[in-house]
Protein backbone atom coordinates (compact mmCIF):
# COMPACT_ATOMS: atom_id res chain seq x y z
CA MET A 1 -21.78 -69.27 34.38
CA SER A 2 -18.13 -69.16 34.68
CA ASP A 3 -15.93 -66.13 33.98
CA GLU A 4 -14.32 -67.43 31.15
CA ASN A 5 -17.29 -67.16 28.91
CA ILE A 6 -17.57 -63.70 29.50
CA ARG A 7 -16.06 -61.32 27.04
CA TYR A 8 -15.03 -57.97 28.17
CA SER A 9 -15.03 -55.46 25.08
CA PRO A 10 -12.50 -52.75 25.93
CA ARG A 11 -14.07 -49.37 26.29
CA TYR A 12 -11.96 -46.40 24.53
CA SER A 13 -12.48 -43.11 25.72
CA SER A 14 -12.29 -40.02 23.13
CA PHE A 15 -10.73 -37.93 25.83
CA TRP A 16 -6.80 -38.54 25.24
CA PRO A 17 -7.03 -38.21 21.22
CA MET A 18 -9.29 -34.91 21.62
CA PHE A 19 -6.95 -33.54 24.60
CA ILE A 20 -3.87 -34.15 22.16
CA LEU A 21 -5.82 -32.54 19.39
CA MET A 22 -7.04 -29.48 21.03
CA SER A 23 -3.59 -29.01 22.57
CA GLY A 24 -1.83 -28.86 19.39
CA ILE A 25 -4.45 -26.49 17.97
CA PHE A 26 -3.87 -24.39 20.78
CA ILE A 27 -0.13 -24.48 20.80
CA TRP A 28 -0.30 -23.59 16.70
CA CYS A 29 -2.59 -20.69 17.51
CA ALA A 30 -0.30 -19.43 20.01
CA TYR A 31 2.78 -19.80 17.74
CA GLN A 32 0.88 -17.79 15.05
CA LEU A 33 -0.12 -14.95 17.40
CA TYR A 34 3.44 -14.81 18.31
CA ALA A 35 4.80 -14.59 14.72
CA ILE A 36 2.35 -12.09 13.75
CA ASN A 37 3.14 -9.71 16.70
CA SER A 38 6.80 -10.16 15.88
CA GLN A 39 6.07 -9.06 12.23
CA ARG A 40 4.01 -5.93 13.45
CA VAL A 41 6.82 -5.00 15.93
CA VAL A 42 9.38 -5.21 12.94
CA ILE A 43 7.28 -3.34 10.55
CA ASP A 44 6.59 -0.52 13.11
CA GLN A 45 10.17 -0.20 13.58
CA GLN A 46 10.73 0.15 9.74
CA TYR A 47 8.04 2.46 9.34
CA GLU A 48 9.30 4.72 12.15
CA ALA A 49 12.75 4.66 10.57
CA LEU A 50 11.51 5.63 7.14
CA ALA A 51 9.33 8.40 8.42
CA ALA A 52 12.22 10.34 9.19
CA THR A 53 13.14 10.28 5.52
CA VAL A 54 9.75 10.74 4.09
CA GLU A 55 8.71 13.80 5.98
CA PRO A 56 11.80 15.90 4.56
CA ALA A 57 11.25 14.49 0.96
CA GLU A 58 7.67 15.52 0.94
CA GLY A 59 8.66 19.14 2.15
CA ALA A 60 11.27 19.24 -0.65
CA GLN A 61 8.45 17.86 -3.24
CA LYS A 62 6.15 20.69 -1.90
CA ARG A 63 8.94 23.41 -2.20
CA LEU A 64 9.69 22.27 -5.92
CA PHE A 65 5.97 22.11 -6.97
CA SER A 66 5.63 25.90 -5.59
CA LEU A 67 8.72 26.75 -7.27
CA ALA A 68 7.68 25.37 -10.59
CA GLN A 69 4.46 26.99 -10.29
CA ASP A 70 6.09 30.18 -9.78
CA LEU A 71 8.49 29.75 -12.64
CA VAL A 72 5.26 29.05 -15.09
CA GLN A 73 3.38 32.35 -13.70
CA MET A 74 6.65 34.17 -14.28
CA SER A 75 7.03 32.74 -17.81
CA ALA A 76 4.07 34.86 -18.92
CA LYS A 77 6.23 38.25 -18.25
CA ASP A 78 9.77 37.09 -18.56
CA PRO A 79 11.28 35.75 -21.73
CA ASN A 80 14.10 33.91 -19.59
CA ALA A 81 11.52 32.11 -17.57
CA THR A 82 9.48 31.23 -20.67
CA GLN A 83 12.57 29.63 -22.27
CA ILE A 84 13.20 27.53 -19.08
CA VAL A 85 9.65 26.48 -19.15
CA LYS A 86 9.98 25.52 -22.77
CA GLU A 87 13.31 23.60 -22.12
CA SER A 88 11.62 21.85 -19.21
CA ILE A 89 8.76 20.80 -21.16
CA GLN A 90 10.52 19.39 -24.12
CA ALA A 91 13.08 17.43 -21.37
CA GLY A 92 9.85 16.03 -20.03
CA ILE A 93 10.46 17.53 -16.43
CA LEU A 94 7.37 19.66 -16.57
CA HIS A 95 4.03 18.11 -17.67
CA PHE A 96 0.81 20.15 -18.30
CA ASN A 97 -2.68 19.30 -19.00
CA LYS A 98 -5.35 21.95 -19.86
CA ASN A 99 -8.64 21.35 -17.69
CA SER A 100 -11.89 22.65 -18.55
CA THR A 101 -11.41 26.11 -16.86
CA GLY A 102 -8.26 26.73 -19.22
CA THR A 103 -5.67 26.60 -16.40
CA ASN A 104 -2.87 24.49 -16.11
CA THR A 105 -3.04 21.21 -14.05
CA THR A 106 -0.91 18.25 -13.37
CA THR A 107 -3.66 15.64 -13.20
CA THR A 108 -4.02 12.78 -15.41
CA PRO A 109 -6.25 13.36 -18.23
CA ALA A 110 -9.71 11.74 -18.56
CA ALA A 111 -9.90 8.83 -20.90
CA PRO A 112 -11.78 9.77 -24.03
CA PRO A 113 -15.42 8.38 -24.30
CA ALA A 114 -15.87 5.08 -26.07
CA PRO A 115 -17.17 5.42 -29.41
CA ALA A 116 -20.88 4.62 -30.01
CA PRO A 117 -21.48 1.23 -31.50
CA SER A 118 -22.79 1.61 -35.03
CA LYS A 119 -26.11 -0.40 -36.19
């Protein structure tokens, strides 16, 4: 037999295509982790900056609510306070809902029950 009759079929290895694919996936995942971490750092900085504004606002809100409660309680005895409460309710500043115990509350009222289907 002569060497010219033997055909050599090239043998392909899947190493390099798989290496390129896996390297690309690794680089993409590393970039995604970097981007998420960068976003987290920015959001943490924004949260810390806003916390300085939120805490005083919450304190002012608590003081306002306690002042409104005191005003409503005082309105039972003082006609001037009663007038202020009436004007505040008409202006939409104060909202009251009677709960089951008969006391005033600022919670949202429960939805009315659905009517029973008629047969």
